[in-house]
Amino acid sequence: TSGGSASTSTDLRSGMSAQGQSNPAYQQAYTDCM
């Protein structure tokens, strides 16, 4: 969003592979990388 809201963990998951969406370890590693 460009509405000026602060970045959240949902925003950090933008571009995440669909295969990793249901895996908490994958999600954590992805957001840490971003």
PDB file of all heavy atoms in Angstrom:
ATOM      1  N   THR A   1       0.831  -1.194   0.000  1.00  0.00           N
ATOM      2  CA  THR A   1       0.000   0.000   0.000  1.00  0.00           C
ATOM      3  C   THR A   1       0.867   1.245   0.000  1.00  0.00           C
ATOM      4  O   THR A   1       1.954   1.239   0.542  1.00  0.00           O
ATOM      5  CB  THR A   1      -0.916   0.033   1.236  1.00  0.00           C
ATOM      6  OG1 THR A   1      -0.089   0.078   2.393  1.00  0.00           O
ATOM      7  CG2 THR A   1      -1.827  -1.160   1.281  1.00  0.00           C
ATOM      8  N   SER A   2       0.375   2.279  -0.616  1.00  0.00           N
ATOM      9  CA  SER A   2       1.087   3.549  -0.607  1.00  0.00           C
ATOM     10  C   SER A   2       0.340   4.566   0.231  1.00  0.00           C
ATOM     11  O   SER A   2       0.484   5.752   0.043  1.00  0.00           O
ATOM     12  CB  SER A   2       1.282   4.059  -2.030  1.00  0.00           C
ATOM     13  OG  SER A   2       0.028   4.240  -2.640  1.00  0.00           O
ATOM     14  N   GLY A   3      -0.477   4.087   1.151  1.00  0.00           N
ATOM     15  CA  GLY A   3      -1.285   4.972   1.969  1.00  0.00           C
ATOM     16  C   GLY A   3      -0.537   5.600   3.109  1.00  0.00           C
ATOM     17  O   GLY A   3      -1.103   6.323   3.901  1.00  0.00           O
ATOM     18  N   GLY A   4       0.755   5.317   3.253  1.00  0.00           N
ATOM     19  CA  GLY A   4       1.543   5.947   4.280  1.00  0.00           C
ATOM     20  C   GLY A   4       1.556   5.192   5.592  1.00  0.00           C
ATOM     21  O   GLY A   4       2.073   5.679   6.573  1.00  0.00           O
ATOM     22  N   SER A   5       1.008   3.975   5.630  1.00  0.00           N
ATOM     23  CA  SER A   5       1.026   3.210   6.868  1.00  0.00           C
ATOM     24  C   SER A   5       2.404   2.611   7.079  1.00  0.00           C
ATOM     25  O   SER A   5       3.160   2.401   6.144  1.00  0.00           O
ATOM     26  CB  SER A   5      -0.031   2.108   6.828  1.00  0.00           C
ATOM     27  OG  SER A   5       0.248   1.206   5.789  1.00  0.00           O
ATOM     28  N   ALA A   6       2.716   2.317   8.324  1.00  0.00           N
ATOM     29  CA  ALA A   6       4.013   1.753   8.657  1.00  0.00           C
ATOM     30  C   ALA A   6       4.127   0.347   8.097  1.00  0.00           C
ATOM     31  O   ALA A   6       3.145  -0.363   7.936  1.00  0.00           O
ATOM     32  CB  ALA A   6       4.188   1.724  10.173  1.00  0.00           C
ATOM     33  N   SER A   7       5.337  -0.059   7.804  1.00  0.00           N
ATOM     34  CA  SER A   7       5.582  -1.385   7.275  1.00  0.00           C
ATOM     35  C   SER A   7       5.272  -2.436   8.332  1.00  0.00           C
ATOM     36  O   SER A   7       5.632  -2.298   9.486  1.00  0.00           O
ATOM     37  CB  SER A   7       7.049  -1.489   6.847  1.00  0.00           C
ATOM     38  OG  SER A   7       7.299  -2.735   6.283  1.00  0.00           O
ATOM     39  N   THR A   8       4.585  -3.494   7.927  1.00  0.00           N
ATOM     40  CA  THR A   8       4.251  -4.572   8.843  1.00  0.00           C
ATOM     41  C   THR A   8       4.796  -5.874   8.306  1.00  0.00           C
ATOM     42  O   THR A   8       5.281  -5.943   7.191  1.00  0.00           O
ATOM     43  CB  THR A   8       2.724  -4.705   9.007  1.00  0.00           C
ATOM     44  OG1 THR A   8       2.174  -5.067   7.727  1.00  0.00           O
ATOM     45  CG2 THR A   8       2.091  -3.421   9.500  1.00  0.00           C
ATOM     46  N   SER A   9       4.688  -6.949   9.096  1.00  0.00           N
ATOM     47  CA  SER A   9       5.180  -8.244   8.647  1.00  0.00           C
ATOM     48  C   SER A   9       4.417  -8.706   7.409  1.00  0.00           C
ATOM     49  O   SER A   9       4.959  -9.425   6.589  1.00  0.00           O
ATOM     50  CB  SER A   9       5.082  -9.270   9.767  1.00  0.00           C
ATOM     51  OG  SER A   9       3.736  -9.440  10.147  1.00  0.00           O
ATOM     52  N   THR A  10       3.167  -8.314   7.250  1.00  0.00           N
ATOM     53  CA  THR A  10       2.414  -8.668   6.056  1.00  0.00           C
ATOM     54  C   THR A  10       3.057  -8.032   4.831  1.00  0.00           C
ATOM     55  O   THR A  10       3.200  -8.666   3.801  1.00  0.00           O
ATOM     56  CB  THR A  10       0.946  -8.212   6.176  1.00  0.00           C
ATOM     57  OG1 THR A  10       0.394  -8.801   7.350  1.00  0.00           O
ATOM     58  CG2 THR A  10       0.144  -8.628   4.976  1.00  0.00           C
ATOM     59  N   ASP A  11       3.482  -6.777   4.942  1.00  0.00           N
ATOM     60  CA  ASP A  11       4.149  -6.106   3.832  1.00  0.00           C
ATOM     61  C   ASP A  11       5.465  -6.789   3.488  1.00  0.00           C
ATOM     62  O   ASP A  11       5.839  -6.859   2.332  1.00  0.00           O
ATOM     63  CB  ASP A  11       4.417  -4.653   4.177  1.00  0.00           C
ATOM     64  CG  ASP A  11       3.156  -3.839   4.370  1.00  0.00           C
ATOM     65  OD1 ASP A  11       2.125  -4.185   3.783  1.00  0.00           O
ATOM     66  OD2 ASP A  11       3.221  -2.850   5.114  1.00  0.00           O
ATOM     67  N   LEU A  12       6.174  -7.288   4.496  1.00  0.00           N
ATOM     68  CA  LEU A  12       7.455  -7.944   4.260  1.00  0.00           C
ATOM     69  C   LEU A  12       7.282  -9.285   3.562  1.00  0.00           C
ATOM     70  O   LEU A  12       8.236  -9.826   3.035  1.00  0.00           O
ATOM     71  CB  LEU A  12       8.212  -8.152   5.576  1.00  0.00           C
ATOM     72  CG  LEU A  12       8.729  -6.889   6.237  1.00  0.00           C
ATOM     73  CD1 LEU A  12       9.376  -7.221   7.576  1.00  0.00           C
ATOM     74  CD2 LEU A  12       9.723  -6.182   5.342  1.00  0.00           C
ATOM     75  N   ARG A  13       6.082  -9.814   3.548  1.00  0.00           N
ATOM     76  CA  ARG A  13       5.836 -11.098   2.883  1.00  0.00           C
ATOM     77  C   ARG A  13       5.452 -10.911   1.418  1.00  0.00           C
ATOM     78  O   ARG A  13       5.199 -11.897   0.724  1.00  0.00           O
ATOM     79  CB  ARG A  13       4.754 -11.873   3.626  1.00  0.00           C
ATOM     80  CG  ARG A  13       5.235 -12.312   4.990  1.00  0.00           C
ATOM     81  CD  ARG A  13       4.195 -13.104   5.707  1.00  0.00           C
ATOM     82  NE  ARG A  13       4.676 -13.391   7.062  1.00  0.00           N
ATOM     83  CZ  ARG A  13       3.919 -13.816   8.025  1.00  0.00           C
ATOM     84  NH1 ARG A  13       2.642 -14.014   7.827  1.00  0.00           N
ATOM     85  NH2 ARG A  13       4.417 -14.046   9.213  1.00  0.00           N
ATOM     86  N   SER A  14       5.423  -9.695   0.964  1.00  0.00           N
ATOM     87  CA  SER A  14       5.143  -9.435  -0.429  1.00  0.00           C
ATOM     88  C   SER A  14       6.207 -10.111  -1.283  1.00  0.00           C
ATOM     89  O   SER A  14       7.390  -9.993  -1.021  1.00  0.00           O
ATOM     90  CB  SER A  14       5.155  -7.923  -0.673  1.00  0.00           C
ATOM     91  OG  SER A  14       4.956  -7.643  -2.025  1.00  0.00           O
ATOM     92  N   GLY A  15       5.777 -10.863  -2.293  1.00  0.00           N
ATOM     93  CA  GLY A  15       6.709 -11.568  -3.163  1.00  0.00           C
ATOM     94  C   GLY A  15       7.074 -12.950  -2.682  1.00  0.00           C
ATOM     95  O   GLY A  15       7.822 -13.661  -3.344  1.00  0.00           O
ATOM     96  N   MET A  16       6.543 -13.365  -1.537  1.00  0.00           N
ATOM     97  CA  MET A  16       6.851 -14.696  -1.002  1.00  0.00           C
ATOM     98  C   MET A  16       6.238 -15.773  -1.891  1.00  0.00           C
ATOM     99  O   MET A  16       5.117 -15.635  -2.363  1.00  0.00           O
ATOM    100  CB  MET A  16       6.316 -14.849   0.426  1.00  0.00           C
ATOM    101  CG  MET A  16       6.651 -16.188   1.050  1.00  0.00           C
ATOM    102  SD  MET A  16       5.875 -16.450   2.654  1.00  0.00           S
ATOM    103  CE  MET A  16       6.651 -15.169   3.617  1.00  0.00           C
ATOM    104  N   SER A  17       6.985 -16.829  -2.094  1.00  0.00           N
ATOM    105  CA  SER A  17       6.504 -17.953  -2.871  1.00  0.00           C
ATOM    106  C   SER A  17       5.241 -18.525  -2.243  1.00  0.00           C
ATOM    107  O   SER A  17       5.127 -18.629  -1.020  1.00  0.00           O
ATOM    108  CB  SER A  17       7.585 -19.036  -2.912  1.00  0.00           C
ATOM    109  OG  SER A  17       7.059 -20.234  -3.433  1.00  0.00           O
ATOM    110  N   ALA A  18       4.281 -18.918  -3.066  1.00  0.00           N
ATOM    111  CA  ALA A  18       3.033 -19.501  -2.570  1.00  0.00           C
ATOM    112  C   ALA A  18       3.306 -20.777  -1.781  1.00  0.00           C
ATOM    113  O   ALA A  18       2.584 -21.094  -0.847  1.00  0.00           O
ATOM    114  CB  ALA A  18       2.095 -19.782  -3.740  1.00  0.00           C
ATOM    115  N   GLN A  19       4.372 -21.488  -2.125  1.00  0.00           N
ATOM    116  CA  GLN A  19       4.704 -22.728  -1.424  1.00  0.00           C
ATOM    117  C   GLN A  19       5.162 -22.474   0.006  1.00  0.00           C
ATOM    118  O   GLN A  19       5.074 -23.363   0.839  1.00  0.00           O
ATOM    119  CB  GLN A  19       5.792 -23.489  -2.183  1.00  0.00           C
ATOM    120  CG  GLN A  19       5.314 -23.984  -3.533  1.00  0.00           C
ATOM    121  CD  GLN A  19       6.428 -24.611  -4.332  1.00  0.00           C
ATOM    122  OE1 GLN A  19       7.582 -24.222  -4.204  1.00  0.00           O
ATOM    123  NE2 GLN A  19       6.084 -25.567  -5.171  1.00  0.00           N
ATOM    124  N   GLY A  20       5.619 -21.280   0.311  1.00  0.00           N
ATOM    125  CA  GLY A  20       6.079 -20.972   1.655  1.00  0.00           C
ATOM    126  C   GLY A  20       5.027 -20.317   2.534  1.00  0.00           C
ATOM    127  O   GLY A  20       5.234 -20.137   3.723  1.00  0.00           O
ATOM    128  N   GLN A  21       3.879 -19.984   1.959  1.00  0.00           N
ATOM    129  CA  GLN A  21       2.842 -19.249   2.684  1.00  0.00           C
ATOM    130  C   GLN A  21       2.326 -19.980   3.926  1.00  0.00           C
ATOM    131  O   GLN A  21       1.932 -19.356   4.887  1.00  0.00           O
ATOM    132  CB  GLN A  21       1.659 -18.954   1.757  1.00  0.00           C
ATOM    133  CG  GLN A  21       1.999 -18.067   0.590  1.00  0.00           C
ATOM    134  CD  GLN A  21       2.011 -16.598   0.935  1.00  0.00           C
ATOM    135  OE1 GLN A  21       1.291 -16.165   1.805  1.00  0.00           O
ATOM    136  NE2 GLN A  21       2.833 -15.831   0.244  1.00  0.00           N
ATOM    137  N   SER A  22       2.329 -21.302   3.907  1.00  0.00           N
ATOM    138  CA  SER A  22       1.779 -22.062   5.036  1.00  0.00           C
ATOM    139  C   SER A  22       2.864 -22.626   5.953  1.00  0.00           C
ATOM    140  O   SER A  22       2.560 -23.404   6.845  1.00  0.00           O
ATOM    141  CB  SER A  22       0.906 -23.216   4.508  1.00  0.00           C
ATOM    142  OG  SER A  22       1.695 -24.101   3.742  1.00  0.00           O
ATOM    143  N   ASN A  23       4.108 -22.237   5.749  1.00  0.00           N
ATOM    144  CA  ASN A  23       5.209 -22.764   6.540  1.00  0.00           C
ATOM    145  C   ASN A  23       5.790 -21.659   7.418  1.00  0.00           C
ATOM    146  O   ASN A  23       6.434 -20.735   6.917  1.00  0.00           O
ATOM    147  CB  ASN A  23       6.279 -23.322   5.600  1.00  0.00           C
ATOM    148  CG  ASN A  23       7.425 -23.976   6.337  1.00  0.00           C
ATOM    149  OD1 ASN A  23       7.741 -23.622   7.462  1.00  0.00           O
ATOM    150  ND2 ASN A  23       8.052 -24.937   5.678  1.00  0.00           N
ATOM    151  N   PRO A  24       5.589 -21.736   8.742  1.00  0.00           N
ATOM    152  CA  PRO A  24       6.084 -20.676   9.633  1.00  0.00           C
ATOM    153  C   PRO A  24       7.598 -20.477   9.571  1.00  0.00           C
ATOM    154  O   PRO A  24       8.073 -19.340   9.632  1.00  0.00           O
ATOM    155  CB  PRO A  24       5.652 -21.137  11.021  1.00  0.00           C
ATOM    156  CG  PRO A  24       4.523 -22.083  10.784  1.00  0.00           C
ATOM    157  CD  PRO A  24       4.798 -22.735   9.462  1.00  0.00           C
ATOM    158  N   ALA A  25       8.371 -21.555   9.432  1.00  0.00           N
ATOM    159  CA  ALA A  25       9.832 -21.418   9.346  1.00  0.00           C
ATOM    160  C   ALA A  25      10.222 -20.680   8.071  1.00  0.00           C
ATOM    161  O   ALA A  25      11.115 -19.834   8.075  1.00  0.00           O
ATOM    162  CB  ALA A  25      10.501 -22.798   9.397  1.00  0.00           C
ATOM    163  N   TYR A  26       9.561 -20.993   6.982  1.00  0.00           N
ATOM    164  CA  TYR A  26       9.807 -20.330   5.700  1.00  0.00           C
ATOM    165  C   TYR A  26       9.455 -18.841   5.821  1.00  0.00           C
ATOM    166  O   TYR A  26      10.221 -17.976   5.401  1.00  0.00           O
ATOM    167  CB  TYR A  26       8.948 -20.988   4.609  1.00  0.00           C
ATOM    168  CG  TYR A  26       9.266 -20.547   3.201  1.00  0.00           C
ATOM    169  CD1 TYR A  26       9.973 -21.372   2.342  1.00  0.00           C
ATOM    170  CD2 TYR A  26       8.841 -19.304   2.714  1.00  0.00           C
ATOM    171  CE1 TYR A  26      10.248 -20.983   1.038  1.00  0.00           C
ATOM    172  CE2 TYR A  26       9.120 -18.907   1.426  1.00  0.00           C
ATOM    173  CZ  TYR A  26       9.820 -19.748   0.586  1.00  0.00           C
ATOM    174  OH  TYR A  26      10.107 -19.352  -0.693  1.00  0.00           O
ATOM    175  N   GLN A  27       8.283 -18.559   6.401  1.00  0.00           N
ATOM    176  CA  GLN A  27       7.844 -17.173   6.552  1.00  0.00           C
ATOM    177  C   GLN A  27       8.833 -16.365   7.384  1.00  0.00           C
ATOM    178  O   GLN A  27       9.165 -15.234   7.035  1.00  0.00           O
ATOM    179  CB  GLN A  27       6.467 -17.127   7.214  1.00  0.00           C
ATOM    180  CG  GLN A  27       5.368 -17.689   6.347  1.00  0.00           C
ATOM    181  CD  GLN A  27       4.052 -17.789   7.083  1.00  0.00           C
ATOM    182  OE1 GLN A  27       3.933 -17.420   8.244  1.00  0.00           O
ATOM    183  NE2 GLN A  27       3.036 -18.311   6.412  1.00  0.00           N
ATOM    184  N   GLN A  28       9.317 -16.949   8.476  1.00  0.00           N
ATOM    185  CA  GLN A  28      10.263 -16.242   9.342  1.00  0.00           C
ATOM    186  C   GLN A  28      11.574 -15.976   8.609  1.00  0.00           C
ATOM    187  O   GLN A  28      12.116 -14.870   8.661  1.00  0.00           O
ATOM    188  CB  GLN A  28      10.524 -17.047  10.622  1.00  0.00           C
ATOM    189  CG  GLN A  28      11.408 -16.320  11.612  1.00  0.00           C
ATOM    190  CD  GLN A  28      10.766 -15.039  12.127  1.00  0.00           C
ATOM    191  OE1 GLN A  28       9.615 -15.045  12.540  1.00  0.00           O
ATOM    192  NE2 GLN A  28      11.503 -13.948  12.107  1.00  0.00           N
ATOM    193  N   ALA A  29      12.085 -16.985   7.918  1.00  0.00           N
ATOM    194  CA  ALA A  29      13.337 -16.818   7.177  1.00  0.00           C
ATOM    195  C   ALA A  29      13.184 -15.768   6.075  1.00  0.00           C
ATOM    196  O   ALA A  29      14.084 -14.960   5.842  1.00  0.00           O
ATOM    197  CB  ALA A  29      13.778 -18.158   6.587  1.00  0.00           C
ATOM    198  N   TYR A  30      12.036 -15.772   5.409  1.00  0.00           N
ATOM    199  CA  TYR A  30      11.790 -14.816   4.330  1.00  0.00           C
ATOM    200  C   TYR A  30      11.727 -13.387   4.872  1.00  0.00           C
ATOM    201  O   TYR A  30      12.370 -12.482   4.334  1.00  0.00           O
ATOM    202  CB  TYR A  30      10.485 -15.175   3.606  1.00  0.00           C
ATOM    203  CG  TYR A  30      10.195 -14.291   2.420  1.00  0.00           C
ATOM    204  CD1 TYR A  30      10.711 -14.592   1.167  1.00  0.00           C
ATOM    205  CD2 TYR A  30       9.412 -13.144   2.546  1.00  0.00           C
ATOM    206  CE1 TYR A  30      10.455 -13.782   0.069  1.00  0.00           C
ATOM    207  CE2 TYR A  30       9.158 -12.335   1.466  1.00  0.00           C
ATOM    208  CZ  TYR A  30       9.670 -12.652   0.227  1.00  0.00           C
ATOM    209  OH  TYR A  30       9.431 -11.857  -0.871  1.00  0.00           O
ATOM    210  N   THR A  31      10.962 -13.179   5.946  1.00  0.00           N
ATOM    211  CA  THR A  31      10.846 -11.820   6.491  1.00  0.00           C
ATOM    212  C   THR A  31      12.183 -11.350   7.083  1.00  0.00           C
ATOM    213  O   THR A  31      12.528 -10.174   6.953  1.00  0.00           O
ATOM    214  CB  THR A  31       9.730 -11.703   7.552  1.00  0.00           C
ATOM    215  OG1 THR A  31       9.933 -12.670   8.566  1.00  0.00           O
ATOM    216  CG2 THR A  31       8.361 -11.912   6.925  1.00  0.00           C
ATOM    217  N   ASP A  32      12.952 -12.262   7.681  1.00  0.00           N
ATOM    218  CA  ASP A  32      14.283 -11.891   8.183  1.00  0.00           C
ATOM    219  C   ASP A  32      15.176 -11.438   7.033  1.00  0.00           C
ATOM    220  O   ASP A  32      15.914 -10.452   7.151  1.00  0.00           O
ATOM    221  CB  ASP A  32      14.938 -13.062   8.921  1.00  0.00           C
ATOM    222  CG  ASP A  32      14.278 -13.359  10.254  1.00  0.00           C
ATOM    223  OD1 ASP A  32      13.488 -12.523  10.753  1.00  0.00           O
ATOM    224  OD2 ASP A  32      14.549 -14.444  10.806  1.00  0.00           O
ATOM    225  N   CYS A  33      15.125 -12.150   5.926  1.00  0.00           N
ATOM    226  CA  CYS A  33      15.920 -11.794   4.749  1.00  0.00           C
ATOM    227  C   CYS A  33      15.504 -10.426   4.215  1.00  0.00           C
ATOM    228  O   CYS A  33      16.362  -9.576   3.922  1.00  0.00           O
ATOM    229  CB  CYS A  33      15.737 -12.860   3.663  1.00  0.00           C
ATOM    230  SG  CYS A  33      16.572 -12.491   2.099  1.00  0.00           S
ATOM    231  N   MET A  34      14.213 -10.178   4.129  1.00  0.00           N
ATOM    232  CA  MET A  34      13.739  -8.879   3.626  1.00  0.00           C
ATOM    233  C   MET A  34      14.160  -7.744   4.564  1.00  0.00           C
ATOM    234  O   MET A  34      14.552  -6.675   4.093  1.00  0.00           O
ATOM    235  CB  MET A  34      12.210  -8.897   3.457  1.00  0.00           C
ATOM    236  CG  MET A  34      11.729  -9.830   2.352  1.00  0.00           C
ATOM    237  SD  MET A  34      12.294  -9.374   0.704  1.00  0.00           S
ATOM    238  CE  MET A  34      11.135  -8.078   0.326  1.00  0.00           C
TER     239      MET A  34
END
